[in-house]
Amino acid sequence: RKGVITVPKEDIDPEEFELEIIDAGVEEFEIEEEVFIITTSLEDFSNVERKLGEMGIRPENAELQRIPNNTKTLDLELSLKVLKMIEEFEEDVDVQNVYHNLEVTEELMKEIEV
């Protein structure tokens, strides 16, 4: 399990922000189009949340997620079947979260977009 925290970019300088937050226990710092995605260990999750609070930064989302240590690549046909099954699980009202270790390849993404 890992902590995943999403912070809106707003007026935050990415380099300064990363330097400030990294010492709190950040494992990975990603810069997306509109947000920063911070990944922490389970043990450092609350430290990073606390540091964000001290900096006056309010996360858009902060949660513990199950992130696979390694992913599995399947052929396109089987990958599409697995994604369909995952989608059906997610639509079930009794299911809260669905985790998988399927490697979502570029080829698979192109097929999904069609």
N, C-alpha and C. Protein backbone atom coordinates (compact mmCIF):
# COMPACT_ATOMS: atom_id res chain seq x y z
N ARG A 1 0.85 -1.19 0.00
CA ARG A 1 0.00 0.00 0.00
C ARG A 1 0.88 1.23 0.00
N LYS A 2 0.42 2.23 -0.71
CA LYS A 2 1.14 3.49 -0.83
C LYS A 2 0.17 4.63 -0.58
N GLY A 3 0.70 5.74 -0.14
CA GLY A 3 -0.09 6.95 -0.03
C GLY A 3 0.01 7.70 -1.34
N VAL A 4 -1.13 8.13 -1.86
CA VAL A 4 -1.15 8.91 -3.10
C VAL A 4 -1.90 10.20 -2.81
N ILE A 5 -1.20 11.32 -3.01
CA ILE A 5 -1.76 12.63 -2.71
C ILE A 5 -1.73 13.47 -3.98
N THR A 6 -2.88 14.04 -4.32
CA THR A 6 -2.99 14.89 -5.49
C THR A 6 -3.15 16.33 -5.03
N VAL A 7 -2.27 17.21 -5.55
CA VAL A 7 -2.28 18.62 -5.15
C VAL A 7 -2.47 19.46 -6.41
N PRO A 8 -3.48 20.36 -6.43
CA PRO A 8 -3.66 21.23 -7.59
C PRO A 8 -2.45 22.15 -7.75
N LYS A 9 -2.05 22.40 -9.00
CA LYS A 9 -0.87 23.23 -9.26
C LYS A 9 -1.05 24.66 -8.80
N GLU A 10 -2.18 25.25 -9.17
CA GLU A 10 -2.49 26.64 -8.83
C GLU A 10 -1.26 27.52 -9.05
N ASP A 11 -0.82 28.26 -8.03
CA ASP A 11 0.32 29.17 -8.18
C ASP A 11 1.58 28.62 -7.52
N ILE A 12 1.71 27.31 -7.47
CA ILE A 12 2.84 26.68 -6.79
C ILE A 12 4.00 26.48 -7.77
N ASP A 13 5.19 26.91 -7.36
CA ASP A 13 6.40 26.68 -8.16
C ASP A 13 6.81 25.21 -7.99
N PRO A 14 6.84 24.43 -9.07
CA PRO A 14 7.11 22.99 -8.95
C PRO A 14 8.45 22.66 -8.29
N GLU A 15 9.50 23.35 -8.66
CA GLU A 15 10.83 23.04 -8.11
C GLU A 15 10.90 23.33 -6.62
N GLU A 16 10.41 24.50 -6.22
CA GLU A 16 10.42 24.87 -4.80
C GLU A 16 9.55 23.91 -3.99
N PHE A 17 8.38 23.59 -4.54
CA PHE A 17 7.45 22.69 -3.86
C PHE A 17 8.08 21.31 -3.65
N GLU A 18 8.70 20.77 -4.70
CA GLU A 18 9.32 19.45 -4.59
C GLU A 18 10.44 19.45 -3.56
N LEU A 19 11.28 20.48 -3.59
CA LEU A 19 12.38 20.57 -2.62
C LEU A 19 11.87 20.66 -1.19
N GLU A 20 10.77 21.38 -1.01
CA GLU A 20 10.20 21.57 0.33
C GLU A 20 9.55 20.29 0.87
N ILE A 21 8.86 19.58 0.00
CA ILE A 21 8.05 18.44 0.44
C ILE A 21 8.85 17.13 0.47
N ILE A 22 9.94 17.04 -0.28
CA ILE A 22 10.67 15.78 -0.43
C ILE A 22 11.17 15.21 0.90
N ASP A 23 11.57 16.07 1.82
CA ASP A 23 12.11 15.61 3.10
C ASP A 23 11.06 15.01 4.03
N ALA A 24 9.79 15.21 3.71
CA ALA A 24 8.73 14.67 4.56
C ALA A 24 8.51 13.18 4.32
N GLY A 25 9.14 12.63 3.26
CA GLY A 25 9.00 11.20 2.99
C GLY A 25 8.40 10.87 1.64
N VAL A 26 8.54 11.78 0.70
CA VAL A 26 8.00 11.55 -0.64
C VAL A 26 8.86 10.52 -1.37
N GLU A 27 8.21 9.51 -1.94
CA GLU A 27 8.92 8.50 -2.74
C GLU A 27 8.96 8.91 -4.20
N GLU A 28 7.86 9.48 -4.68
CA GLU A 28 7.77 9.85 -6.08
C GLU A 28 7.00 11.15 -6.20
N PHE A 29 7.47 12.03 -7.07
CA PHE A 29 6.84 13.33 -7.27
C PHE A 29 6.63 13.50 -8.77
N GLU A 30 5.37 13.50 -9.21
CA GLU A 30 5.05 13.61 -10.63
C GLU A 30 4.36 14.94 -10.89
N ILE A 31 4.70 15.54 -12.01
CA ILE A 31 4.06 16.79 -12.42
C ILE A 31 3.17 16.48 -13.61
N GLU A 32 1.87 16.60 -13.39
CA GLU A 32 0.89 16.39 -14.45
C GLU A 32 0.46 17.75 -14.99
N GLU A 33 -0.52 17.75 -15.88
CA GLU A 33 -0.96 18.99 -16.50
C GLU A 33 -1.51 20.00 -15.49
N GLU A 34 -2.38 19.56 -14.60
CA GLU A 34 -3.03 20.48 -13.67
C GLU A 34 -2.75 20.16 -12.20
N VAL A 35 -2.06 19.05 -11.94
CA VAL A 35 -1.83 18.63 -10.55
C VAL A 35 -0.43 18.06 -10.36
N PHE A 36 -0.02 18.00 -9.09
CA PHE A 36 1.16 17.26 -8.68
C PHE A 36 0.65 15.96 -8.07
N ILE A 37 1.30 14.86 -8.37
CA ILE A 37 0.94 13.58 -7.76
C ILE A 37 2.11 13.14 -6.91
N ILE A 38 1.85 13.00 -5.62
CA ILE A 38 2.88 12.65 -4.65
C ILE A 38 2.60 11.23 -4.16
N THR A 39 3.61 10.37 -4.23
CA THR A 39 3.49 9.00 -3.74
C THR A 39 4.40 8.84 -2.53
N THR A 40 3.85 8.24 -1.47
CA THR A 40 4.61 8.04 -0.24
C THR A 40 4.49 6.58 0.21
N SER A 41 5.34 6.21 1.12
CA SER A 41 5.16 4.90 1.76
C SER A 41 3.99 5.02 2.73
N LEU A 42 3.47 3.90 3.14
CA LEU A 42 2.38 3.88 4.11
C LEU A 42 2.80 4.60 5.39
N GLU A 43 4.05 4.39 5.81
CA GLU A 43 4.55 4.98 7.06
C GLU A 43 4.70 6.50 6.98
N ASP A 44 5.02 7.04 5.80
CA ASP A 44 5.26 8.48 5.66
C ASP A 44 4.04 9.27 5.21
N PHE A 45 2.94 8.58 4.95
CA PHE A 45 1.74 9.25 4.44
C PHE A 45 1.29 10.40 5.34
N SER A 46 1.18 10.16 6.62
CA SER A 46 0.71 11.22 7.54
C SER A 46 1.74 12.34 7.67
N ASN A 47 3.04 12.01 7.58
CA ASN A 47 4.07 13.05 7.62
C ASN A 47 3.93 14.03 6.46
N VAL A 48 3.69 13.48 5.28
CA VAL A 48 3.54 14.31 4.09
C VAL A 48 2.27 15.15 4.19
N GLU A 49 1.18 14.55 4.65
CA GLU A 49 -0.06 15.32 4.84
C GLU A 49 0.15 16.45 5.83
N ARG A 50 0.85 16.17 6.91
CA ARG A 50 1.13 17.19 7.93
C ARG A 50 1.99 18.32 7.34
N LYS A 51 3.00 17.95 6.56
CA LYS A 51 3.88 18.95 5.94
C LYS A 51 3.10 19.84 4.99
N LEU A 52 2.20 19.25 4.22
CA LEU A 52 1.36 20.05 3.32
C LEU A 52 0.53 21.05 4.12
N GLY A 53 -0.02 20.60 5.24
CA GLY A 53 -0.80 21.49 6.11
C GLY A 53 0.05 22.64 6.63
N GLU A 54 1.28 22.34 7.05
CA GLU A 54 2.19 23.38 7.53
C GLU A 54 2.51 24.39 6.43
N MET A 55 2.54 23.92 5.18
CA MET A 55 2.83 24.79 4.05
C MET A 55 1.59 25.56 3.59
N GLY A 56 0.44 25.25 4.19
CA GLY A 56 -0.80 25.92 3.80
C GLY A 56 -1.37 25.40 2.48
N ILE A 57 -1.01 24.18 2.12
CA ILE A 57 -1.47 23.59 0.86
C ILE A 57 -2.51 22.53 1.17
N ARG A 58 -3.64 22.66 0.49
CA ARG A 58 -4.75 21.73 0.69
C ARG A 58 -4.81 20.74 -0.48
N PRO A 59 -4.62 19.45 -0.20
CA PRO A 59 -4.66 18.46 -1.29
C PRO A 59 -6.05 18.32 -1.89
N GLU A 60 -6.08 18.02 -3.16
CA GLU A 60 -7.33 17.73 -3.85
C GLU A 60 -7.84 16.35 -3.43
N ASN A 61 -6.88 15.44 -3.23
CA ASN A 61 -7.23 14.07 -2.83
C ASN A 61 -6.03 13.46 -2.10
N ALA A 62 -6.29 12.71 -1.06
CA ALA A 62 -5.24 12.01 -0.32
C ALA A 62 -5.81 10.68 0.14
N GLU A 63 -5.21 9.59 -0.34
CA GLU A 63 -5.73 8.27 0.02
C GLU A 63 -4.64 7.22 -0.03
N LEU A 64 -4.91 6.11 0.62
CA LEU A 64 -4.02 4.96 0.54
C LEU A 64 -4.51 4.08 -0.60
N GLN A 65 -3.59 3.67 -1.46
CA GLN A 65 -3.95 2.84 -2.61
C GLN A 65 -3.06 1.61 -2.63
N ARG A 66 -3.57 0.58 -3.23
CA ARG A 66 -2.75 -0.62 -3.46
C ARG A 66 -2.12 -0.47 -4.84
N ILE A 67 -0.81 -0.33 -4.85
CA ILE A 67 -0.07 -0.17 -6.09
C ILE A 67 0.79 -1.42 -6.26
N PRO A 68 0.69 -2.10 -7.42
CA PRO A 68 1.43 -3.35 -7.59
C PRO A 68 2.94 -3.13 -7.62
N ASN A 69 3.68 -4.09 -7.08
CA ASN A 69 5.14 -4.05 -7.16
C ASN A 69 5.62 -4.34 -8.58
N ASN A 70 4.87 -5.18 -9.29
CA ASN A 70 5.18 -5.43 -10.69
C ASN A 70 3.87 -5.62 -11.44
N THR A 71 3.90 -5.32 -12.72
CA THR A 71 2.69 -5.40 -13.54
C THR A 71 2.81 -6.57 -14.50
N LYS A 72 1.68 -6.94 -15.06
CA LYS A 72 1.61 -8.08 -15.97
C LYS A 72 1.13 -7.59 -17.33
N THR A 73 1.87 -7.94 -18.38
CA THR A 73 1.48 -7.58 -19.73
C THR A 73 0.80 -8.79 -20.37
N LEU A 74 -0.37 -8.54 -20.92
CA LEU A 74 -1.13 -9.59 -21.59
C LEU A 74 -1.29 -9.22 -23.05
N ASP A 75 -1.68 -10.20 -23.88
CA ASP A 75 -1.94 -9.87 -25.27
C ASP A 75 -3.19 -8.98 -25.33
N LEU A 76 -3.37 -8.31 -26.44
CA LEU A 76 -4.43 -7.31 -26.58
C LEU A 76 -5.81 -7.88 -26.30
N GLU A 77 -6.12 -9.02 -26.87
CA GLU A 77 -7.45 -9.62 -26.69
C GLU A 77 -7.76 -9.91 -25.22
N LEU A 78 -6.82 -10.52 -24.54
CA LEU A 78 -7.01 -10.85 -23.13
C LEU A 78 -7.06 -9.58 -22.27
N SER A 79 -6.23 -8.60 -22.61
CA SER A 79 -6.24 -7.32 -21.87
C SER A 79 -7.61 -6.65 -21.96
N LEU A 80 -8.20 -6.68 -23.14
CA LEU A 80 -9.53 -6.07 -23.32
C LEU A 80 -10.57 -6.80 -22.48
N LYS A 81 -10.48 -8.13 -22.41
CA LYS A 81 -11.42 -8.90 -21.58
C LYS A 81 -11.24 -8.56 -20.10
N VAL A 82 -9.99 -8.44 -19.67
CA VAL A 82 -9.72 -8.10 -18.26
C VAL A 82 -10.25 -6.70 -17.95
N LEU A 83 -10.03 -5.75 -18.84
CA LEU A 83 -10.53 -4.39 -18.62
C LEU A 83 -12.05 -4.36 -18.56
N LYS A 84 -12.70 -5.17 -19.40
CA LYS A 84 -14.16 -5.24 -19.37
C LYS A 84 -14.63 -5.79 -18.02
N MET A 85 -13.94 -6.82 -17.53
CA MET A 85 -14.29 -7.40 -16.23
C MET A 85 -14.07 -6.37 -15.11
N ILE A 86 -12.96 -5.63 -15.16
CA ILE A 86 -12.68 -4.60 -14.16
C ILE A 86 -13.78 -3.54 -14.18
N GLU A 87 -14.18 -3.14 -15.38
CA GLU A 87 -15.24 -2.14 -15.52
C GLU A 87 -16.55 -2.65 -14.90
N GLU A 88 -16.87 -3.91 -15.11
CA GLU A 88 -18.08 -4.49 -14.53
C GLU A 88 -18.01 -4.52 -13.01
N PHE A 89 -16.84 -4.86 -12.47
CA PHE A 89 -16.67 -4.82 -11.01
C PHE A 89 -16.89 -3.40 -10.48
N GLU A 90 -16.31 -2.41 -11.16
CA GLU A 90 -16.40 -1.02 -10.71
C GLU A 90 -17.84 -0.51 -10.74
N GLU A 91 -18.64 -1.03 -11.66
CA GLU A 91 -20.03 -0.60 -11.77
C GLU A 91 -20.93 -1.24 -10.71
N ASP A 92 -20.49 -2.30 -10.09
CA ASP A 92 -21.26 -2.98 -9.06
C ASP A 92 -21.33 -2.08 -7.81
N VAL A 93 -22.53 -1.82 -7.32
CA VAL A 93 -22.71 -0.91 -6.19
C VAL A 93 -22.10 -1.45 -4.90
N ASP A 94 -21.90 -2.76 -4.81
CA ASP A 94 -21.31 -3.35 -3.61
C ASP A 94 -19.78 -3.31 -3.59
N VAL A 95 -19.18 -2.91 -4.70
CA VAL A 95 -17.72 -2.87 -4.81
C VAL A 95 -17.23 -1.45 -4.55
N GLN A 96 -16.30 -1.32 -3.60
CA GLN A 96 -15.76 0.00 -3.27
C GLN A 96 -14.55 0.36 -4.12
N ASN A 97 -13.61 -0.56 -4.26
CA ASN A 97 -12.39 -0.32 -5.04
C ASN A 97 -12.01 -1.58 -5.80
N VAL A 98 -11.38 -1.38 -6.95
CA VAL A 98 -10.87 -2.49 -7.74
C VAL A 98 -9.39 -2.22 -8.00
N TYR A 99 -8.55 -3.19 -7.68
CA TYR A 99 -7.11 -3.07 -7.91
C TYR A 99 -6.67 -4.16 -8.87
N HIS A 100 -5.69 -3.86 -9.70
CA HIS A 100 -5.17 -4.85 -10.64
C HIS A 100 -3.71 -4.56 -10.92
N ASN A 101 -3.04 -5.50 -11.55
CA ASN A 101 -1.65 -5.29 -11.92
C ASN A 101 -1.45 -5.42 -13.43
N LEU A 102 -2.51 -5.14 -14.19
CA LEU A 102 -2.44 -5.18 -15.64
C LEU A 102 -1.64 -4.00 -16.16
N GLU A 103 -0.66 -4.27 -17.01
CA GLU A 103 0.12 -3.21 -17.65
C GLU A 103 -0.74 -2.64 -18.77
N VAL A 104 -1.06 -1.36 -18.68
CA VAL A 104 -1.88 -0.71 -19.70
C VAL A 104 -0.91 -0.14 -20.74
N THR A 105 -0.76 -0.86 -21.85
CA THR A 105 0.19 -0.48 -22.89
C THR A 105 -0.41 0.58 -23.81
N GLU A 106 0.45 1.19 -24.63
CA GLU A 106 -0.02 2.18 -25.60
C GLU A 106 -0.98 1.54 -26.58
N GLU A 107 -0.67 0.32 -27.00
CA GLU A 107 -1.53 -0.40 -27.92
C GLU A 107 -2.92 -0.60 -27.31
N LEU A 108 -2.97 -0.93 -26.05
CA LEU A 108 -4.24 -1.12 -25.35
C LEU A 108 -4.99 0.20 -25.24
N MET A 109 -4.28 1.26 -24.91
CA MET A 109 -4.92 2.59 -24.81
C MET A 109 -5.54 2.99 -26.14
N LYS A 110 -4.83 2.76 -27.24
CA LYS A 110 -5.36 3.10 -28.57
C LYS A 110 -6.63 2.30 -28.86
N GLU A 111 -6.63 1.04 -28.48
CA GLU A 111 -7.79 0.18 -28.72
C GLU A 111 -8.99 0.63 -27.88
N ILE A 112 -8.74 1.08 -26.67
CA ILE A 112 -9.81 1.54 -25.79
C ILE A 112 -10.44 2.81 -26.34
N GLU A 113 -9.63 3.69 -26.90
CA GLU A 113 -10.11 4.98 -27.41
C GLU A 113 -10.99 4.83 -28.63
N VAL A 114 -10.88 3.71 -29.35
CA VAL A 114 -11.65 3.49 -30.58
C VAL A 114 -13.10 3.27 -30.27
